[in-house]
Amino acid sequence: MSVAQQHSDKAPVTVIGLGPMGRAMAGAYLDAGHAVTVWNRTAARADELVARGAVLAPSAEAAVAANELVVLSLTDYDAVFAVLDAAAGALAGKVVVNLSSDTPERAREAARRLAALGAGHLTGGVQTPPSGIGKPESSTFYSGPVELFQRHRVTLEVLTGADYRGDDPGLAQLYYQIQMDLFWTSLAGYLHATAVAEANGIPADEFLPYASSTAASMPGFLEFYAPRIAAGRHEGDVDRLAMGLASVEHVRHTAEASGVDGGLPGLLADHFRRGVAAGYGDASVTSLVGLFRQV
């Protein structure tokens, strides 16, 4: 099959931003037979993609002008807005799929800016590292106009599976950020526990099966607690916040006695202590959900 035949039934795509994620995305589109235009401030990052058949645009505006569908993979929305400003004259009639990370409100701001320029906007939150791009078992949250999502769904699913969350352009970022909230705090807990283990002569590989066992138990806790939280039930029939505070303090003391910074469990203990002081000592640790909202 010729390159022209490969491209004949595939929507051409522009990818702007060629960090590891953007390069993986452009590569996935090339692998799937799409014509791909790319642009990056550091043009050398496109060399491998150009060797595989991508077209390097001379400017962000030229990259946007090349195709209807424009995928952004940038560090944050400051970078997004800089690209949009540079390409403003070419945006009318385009559909920008913004897979950059930032807050839900900034995603809404991007959608408003693009609408004013005559362009459509879909927000995306990619739930995989670059190694997962091109794999249907990976997933990306999307939000924005449903007609735009449906029109380009097949092309978007070249990258990952697609989980559409609704019309509000901020929803995809919201779902993404709450996933990241859980991921980073969980990973930080693992790293802190590993530091304590190593400080006591237990190497990371020896600790691994025990860390994995604890991590594997978490879905059971989440499934137990989620319906109770949704129902506003925080009774201390299976756990109590006061007991949780004592446990976290033991973790902190163990860390500090091992020569490891106790700030991370100390921060957690501060929240537990605030809950106890507010009168929730005999309630479940899930009562912290309400306290976290009181900022």
Protein backbone atom coordinates (compact mmCIF):
# COMPACT_ATOMS: atom_id res chain seq x y z
CA MET A 1 0.00 0.00 0.00
CA SER A 2 1.39 3.40 -0.95
CA VAL A 3 1.73 6.29 1.48
CA ALA A 4 -1.01 8.12 -0.43
CA GLN A 5 -3.35 5.13 -0.10
CA GLN A 6 -2.53 4.81 3.60
CA HIS A 7 -3.48 8.46 4.16
CA SER A 8 -6.58 8.47 1.95
CA ASP A 9 -9.02 7.38 4.65
CA LYS A 10 -7.16 8.72 7.66
CA ALA A 11 -7.71 12.20 9.06
CA PRO A 12 -4.50 14.25 8.92
CA VAL A 13 -3.33 15.43 12.32
CA THR A 14 -1.12 18.21 13.66
CA VAL A 15 0.79 17.54 16.88
CA ILE A 16 2.28 20.53 18.69
CA GLY A 17 4.69 19.85 21.55
CA LEU A 18 7.29 17.13 21.14
CA GLY A 19 8.31 16.14 24.61
CA PRO A 20 8.24 12.39 25.30
CA MET A 21 4.42 12.36 25.27
CA GLY A 22 4.03 14.42 22.11
CA ARG A 23 6.62 12.36 20.26
CA ALA A 24 4.81 9.17 21.28
CA MET A 25 1.51 10.61 20.02
CA ALA A 26 2.92 11.72 16.68
CA GLY A 27 4.59 8.33 16.34
CA ALA A 28 1.34 6.50 17.03
CA TYR A 29 -0.39 8.49 14.30
CA LEU A 30 2.40 7.72 11.84
CA ASP A 31 2.19 4.03 12.75
CA ALA A 32 -1.57 4.12 12.08
CA GLY A 33 -1.12 5.64 8.62
CA HIS A 34 -2.08 9.25 9.31
CA ALA A 35 -0.42 12.22 7.65
CA VAL A 36 1.20 14.09 10.54
CA THR A 37 2.41 17.67 10.79
CA VAL A 38 4.49 18.55 13.85
CA TRP A 39 5.90 21.66 15.47
CA ASN A 40 8.05 22.23 18.55
CA ARG A 41 10.04 25.20 19.77
CA THR A 42 13.15 23.01 19.70
CA ALA A 43 12.91 21.77 16.12
CA ALA A 44 15.53 19.03 16.56
CA ARG A 45 13.04 17.02 18.61
CA ALA A 46 11.17 16.36 15.37
CA ASP A 47 14.13 14.78 13.55
CA GLU A 48 13.17 11.15 14.16
CA LEU A 49 9.52 11.82 13.32
CA VAL A 50 10.46 13.62 10.10
CA ALA A 51 12.63 10.63 9.16
CA ARG A 52 9.51 8.48 9.58
CA GLY A 53 7.39 10.70 7.34
CA ALA A 54 6.10 13.58 9.49
CA VAL A 55 6.19 17.13 8.13
CA LEU A 56 7.89 19.72 10.32
CA ALA A 57 6.04 23.04 10.11
CA PRO A 58 8.14 26.21 10.23
CA SER A 59 5.93 27.85 12.86
CA ALA A 60 3.09 27.14 15.26
CA GLU A 61 0.75 29.06 12.95
CA ALA A 62 1.77 26.96 9.94
CA ALA A 63 1.29 23.78 11.98
CA VAL A 64 -2.25 24.82 12.94
CA ALA A 65 -3.04 25.88 9.37
CA ALA A 66 -2.01 22.48 8.00
CA ASN A 67 -4.90 20.39 9.39
CA GLU A 68 -8.34 20.68 10.95
CA LEU A 69 -7.42 18.50 13.95
CA VAL A 70 -4.68 19.95 16.16
CA VAL A 71 -3.37 18.00 19.17
CA LEU A 72 -1.51 19.95 21.87
CA SER A 73 0.86 18.14 24.22
CA LEU A 74 2.51 20.90 26.22
CA THR A 75 3.82 21.31 29.76
CA ASP A 76 1.00 23.54 30.99
CA TYR A 77 -1.52 26.09 29.83
CA ASP A 78 0.99 28.95 29.87
CA ALA A 79 2.66 27.12 26.98
CA VAL A 80 -0.77 26.43 25.45
CA PHE A 81 -1.75 30.10 25.51
CA ALA A 82 1.60 31.11 24.01
CA VAL A 83 0.97 28.74 21.09
CA LEU A 84 -2.62 29.95 20.67
CA ASP A 85 -1.45 33.57 20.60
CA ALA A 86 1.19 32.75 17.99
CA ALA A 87 -1.29 30.81 15.83
CA ALA A 88 -4.35 33.03 16.33
CA GLY A 89 -4.64 33.87 12.64
CA ALA A 90 -4.97 30.21 11.64
CA LEU A 91 -7.35 28.89 14.29
CA ALA A 92 -10.74 29.62 12.72
CA GLY A 93 -12.48 26.35 11.85
CA LYS A 94 -9.94 24.18 13.66
CA VAL A 95 -10.57 21.62 16.41
CA VAL A 96 -7.94 21.81 19.14
CA VAL A 97 -7.57 18.72 21.30
CA ASN A 98 -5.71 20.00 24.32
CA LEU A 99 -3.94 17.11 26.07
CA SER A 100 -1.80 19.39 28.24
CA SER A 101 -2.11 19.32 32.02
CA ASP A 102 -3.40 22.20 34.15
CA THR A 103 -6.43 23.10 36.24
CA PRO A 104 -10.08 22.69 35.18
CA GLU A 105 -10.61 26.44 35.17
CA ARG A 106 -7.69 27.00 32.81
CA ALA A 107 -9.19 24.40 30.48
CA ARG A 108 -12.41 26.41 30.48
CA GLU A 109 -10.40 29.56 29.77
CA ALA A 110 -8.73 27.85 26.81
CA ALA A 111 -12.13 26.81 25.45
CA ARG A 112 -13.39 30.40 25.75
CA ARG A 113 -10.32 31.80 23.99
CA LEU A 114 -10.63 29.31 21.16
CA ALA A 115 -14.35 29.94 20.75
CA ALA A 116 -13.60 33.65 20.36
CA LEU A 117 -11.18 32.74 17.57
CA GLY A 118 -13.72 30.50 15.82
CA ALA A 119 -12.15 27.19 16.89
CA GLY A 120 -13.51 24.20 18.76
CA HIS A 121 -11.85 22.77 21.86
CA LEU A 122 -11.73 19.35 23.46
CA THR A 123 -9.94 18.94 26.78
CA GLY A 124 -8.06 15.73 27.41
CA GLY A 125 -6.44 14.15 30.46
CA VAL A 126 -4.10 11.33 29.46
CA GLN A 127 -3.95 8.54 32.03
CA THR A 128 -0.82 6.82 30.81
CA PRO A 129 2.89 7.55 30.40
CA PRO A 130 4.32 7.77 26.88
CA SER A 131 4.87 4.00 26.81
CA GLY A 132 1.08 3.51 26.92
CA ILE A 133 0.33 5.68 23.90
CA GLY A 134 -0.99 3.65 20.97
CA LYS A 135 -2.45 0.99 23.24
CA PRO A 136 -6.26 0.70 23.40
CA GLU A 137 -6.13 -0.53 27.01
CA SER A 138 -4.76 2.89 28.02
CA SER A 139 -7.28 5.67 28.54
CA THR A 140 -7.75 9.42 28.21
CA PHE A 141 -10.50 11.55 29.73
CA TYR A 142 -12.20 13.92 27.28
CA SER A 143 -14.70 16.73 27.74
CA GLY A 144 -16.17 19.47 25.60
CA PRO A 145 -18.79 19.56 22.83
CA VAL A 146 -20.02 16.01 22.29
CA GLU A 147 -20.36 16.53 18.54
CA LEU A 148 -16.65 17.33 18.27
CA PHE A 149 -15.75 14.30 20.36
CA GLN A 150 -17.91 11.99 18.27
CA ARG A 151 -16.59 13.44 15.00
CA HIS A 152 -12.97 12.79 15.95
CA ARG A 153 -13.33 9.83 18.29
CA VAL A 154 -11.84 7.28 15.89
CA THR A 155 -8.76 9.45 15.39
CA LEU A 156 -8.41 10.12 19.11
CA GLU A 157 -8.62 6.41 19.85
CA VAL A 158 -5.44 5.87 17.85
CA LEU A 159 -3.73 7.28 20.96
CA THR A 160 -5.66 5.51 23.74
CA GLY A 161 -9.13 4.45 24.69
CA ALA A 162 -11.43 7.47 25.14
CA ASP A 163 -13.52 8.18 28.25
CA TYR A 164 -15.90 11.07 27.50
CA ARG A 165 -16.97 12.86 30.69
CA GLY A 166 -19.32 15.62 29.48
CA ASP A 167 -19.75 19.01 27.80
CA ASP A 168 -17.98 21.09 30.46
CA PRO A 169 -14.43 21.59 29.13
CA GLY A 170 -13.09 21.50 32.71
CA LEU A 171 -14.33 17.98 33.45
CA ALA A 172 -11.53 16.06 31.74
CA GLN A 173 -8.94 18.04 33.69
CA LEU A 174 -10.90 17.58 36.91
CA TYR A 175 -11.00 13.81 36.49
CA TYR A 176 -7.34 13.80 35.53
CA GLN A 177 -6.23 15.91 38.49
CA ILE A 178 -8.14 13.86 41.08
CA GLN A 179 -6.47 10.76 39.63
CA MET A 180 -3.11 12.51 39.97
CA ASP A 181 -4.00 13.53 43.54
CA LEU A 182 -4.40 9.86 44.41
CA PHE A 183 -1.38 8.74 42.38
CA TRP A 184 1.19 11.19 43.71
CA THR A 185 0.18 10.92 47.36
CA SER A 186 0.20 7.12 47.09
CA LEU A 187 3.59 7.07 45.39
CA ALA A 188 5.01 9.50 47.95
CA GLY A 189 3.80 7.18 50.74
CA TYR A 190 5.55 4.23 49.08
CA LEU A 191 8.78 6.19 48.67
CA HIS A 192 8.71 7.35 52.29
CA ALA A 193 8.08 3.81 53.55
CA THR A 194 10.93 2.56 51.34
CA ALA A 195 13.24 5.20 52.82
CA VAL A 196 12.40 3.96 56.32
CA ALA A 197 12.90 0.35 55.23
CA GLU A 198 16.31 1.08 53.68
CA ALA A 199 17.38 3.11 56.69
CA ASN A 200 16.85 -0.07 58.71
CA GLY A 201 18.72 -2.35 56.34
CA ILE A 202 15.72 -3.62 54.35
CA PRO A 203 16.41 -3.07 50.63
CA ALA A 204 13.67 -1.94 48.28
CA ASP A 205 13.45 -5.32 46.53
CA GLU A 206 12.98 -7.12 49.84
CA PHE A 207 10.28 -4.65 50.86
CA LEU A 208 8.55 -4.91 47.47
CA PRO A 209 6.23 -7.90 48.10
CA TYR A 210 5.00 -6.36 51.35
CA ALA A 211 4.46 -2.95 49.74
CA SER A 212 2.63 -4.67 46.88
CA SER A 213 0.44 -6.59 49.32
CA THR A 214 -0.61 -3.37 51.06
CA ALA A 215 -1.26 -1.64 47.73
CA ALA A 216 -3.32 -4.63 46.55
CA SER A 217 -5.54 -4.32 49.62
CA MET A 218 -6.52 -0.72 48.83
CA PRO A 219 -9.34 -1.46 46.32
CA GLY A 220 -11.18 -3.33 49.07
CA PHE A 221 -10.95 -0.33 51.37
CA LEU A 222 -12.11 2.04 48.62
CA GLU A 223 -15.06 -0.17 47.73
CA PHE A 224 -16.07 -0.36 51.39
CA TYR A 225 -15.73 3.34 52.13
CA ALA A 226 -17.03 4.96 48.91
CA PRO A 227 -20.73 4.12 49.45
CA ARG A 228 -20.50 5.31 53.04
CA ILE A 229 -18.87 8.59 52.01
CA ALA A 230 -21.51 9.09 49.28
CA ALA A 231 -24.21 8.55 51.91
CA GLY A 232 -22.55 10.92 54.40
CA ARG A 233 -21.92 8.06 56.85
CA HIS A 234 -18.76 8.36 58.94
CA GLU A 235 -19.56 6.23 61.96
CA GLY A 236 -16.57 4.78 63.77
CA ASP A 237 -17.75 1.18 63.78
CA VAL A 238 -14.73 -0.24 61.95
CA ASP A 239 -12.13 2.48 62.49
CA ARG A 240 -11.77 5.63 64.55
CA LEU A 241 -9.92 8.82 63.70
CA ALA A 242 -8.34 8.95 67.17
CA MET A 243 -6.83 5.50 66.65
CA GLY A 244 -5.65 6.55 63.19
CA LEU A 245 -3.88 9.56 64.73
CA ALA A 246 -2.06 7.30 67.20
CA SER A 247 -1.01 5.00 64.34
CA VAL A 248 0.28 7.84 62.16
CA GLU A 249 2.24 9.24 65.08
CA HIS A 250 3.88 5.83 65.52
CA VAL A 251 4.84 5.93 61.83
CA ARG A 252 6.34 9.40 62.27
CA HIS A 253 8.30 8.41 65.39
CA THR A 254 9.63 5.29 63.65
CA ALA A 255 10.76 7.35 60.67
CA GLU A 256 12.48 9.98 62.77
CA ALA A 257 14.17 7.34 64.95
CA SER A 258 15.48 5.82 61.71
CA GLY A 259 16.99 9.11 60.58
CA VAL A 260 14.27 9.68 57.98
CA ASP A 261 12.38 12.97 57.60
CA GLY A 262 9.09 12.65 59.46
CA GLY A 263 7.44 15.58 57.68
CA LEU A 264 5.19 13.50 55.43
CA PRO A 265 3.53 11.43 58.18
CA GLY A 266 3.69 14.53 60.36
CA LEU A 267 1.57 16.43 57.84
CA LEU A 268 -0.93 13.58 57.83
CA ALA A 269 -0.95 13.57 61.64
CA ASP A 270 -1.71 17.30 61.62
CA HIS A 271 -4.87 16.65 59.58
CA PHE A 272 -5.90 13.77 61.83
CA ARG A 273 -5.30 15.94 64.90
CA ARG A 274 -7.42 18.72 63.43
CA GLY A 275 -10.24 16.23 62.92
CA VAL A 276 -9.97 14.98 66.49
CA ALA A 277 -9.96 18.56 67.79
CA ALA A 278 -13.12 19.21 65.75
CA GLY A 279 -14.88 16.43 67.62
CA TYR A 280 -14.47 13.55 65.14
CA GLY A 281 -12.17 11.39 67.23
CA ASP A 282 -14.78 8.64 67.54
CA ALA A 283 -15.82 8.91 63.89
CA SER A 284 -14.24 7.12 60.94
CA VAL A 285 -11.14 8.47 59.26
CA THR A 286 -13.47 9.18 56.31
CA SER A 287 -14.73 12.20 58.25
CA LEU A 288 -11.60 13.92 56.94
CA VAL A 289 -13.37 14.30 53.56
CA GLY A 290 -15.48 17.05 55.06
CA LEU A 291 -12.56 18.64 56.87
CA PHE A 292 -10.47 18.76 53.68
CA ARG A 293 -13.23 20.87 52.10
CA GLN A 294 -13.07 23.41 54.95
CA VAL A 295 -10.15 25.53 53.81
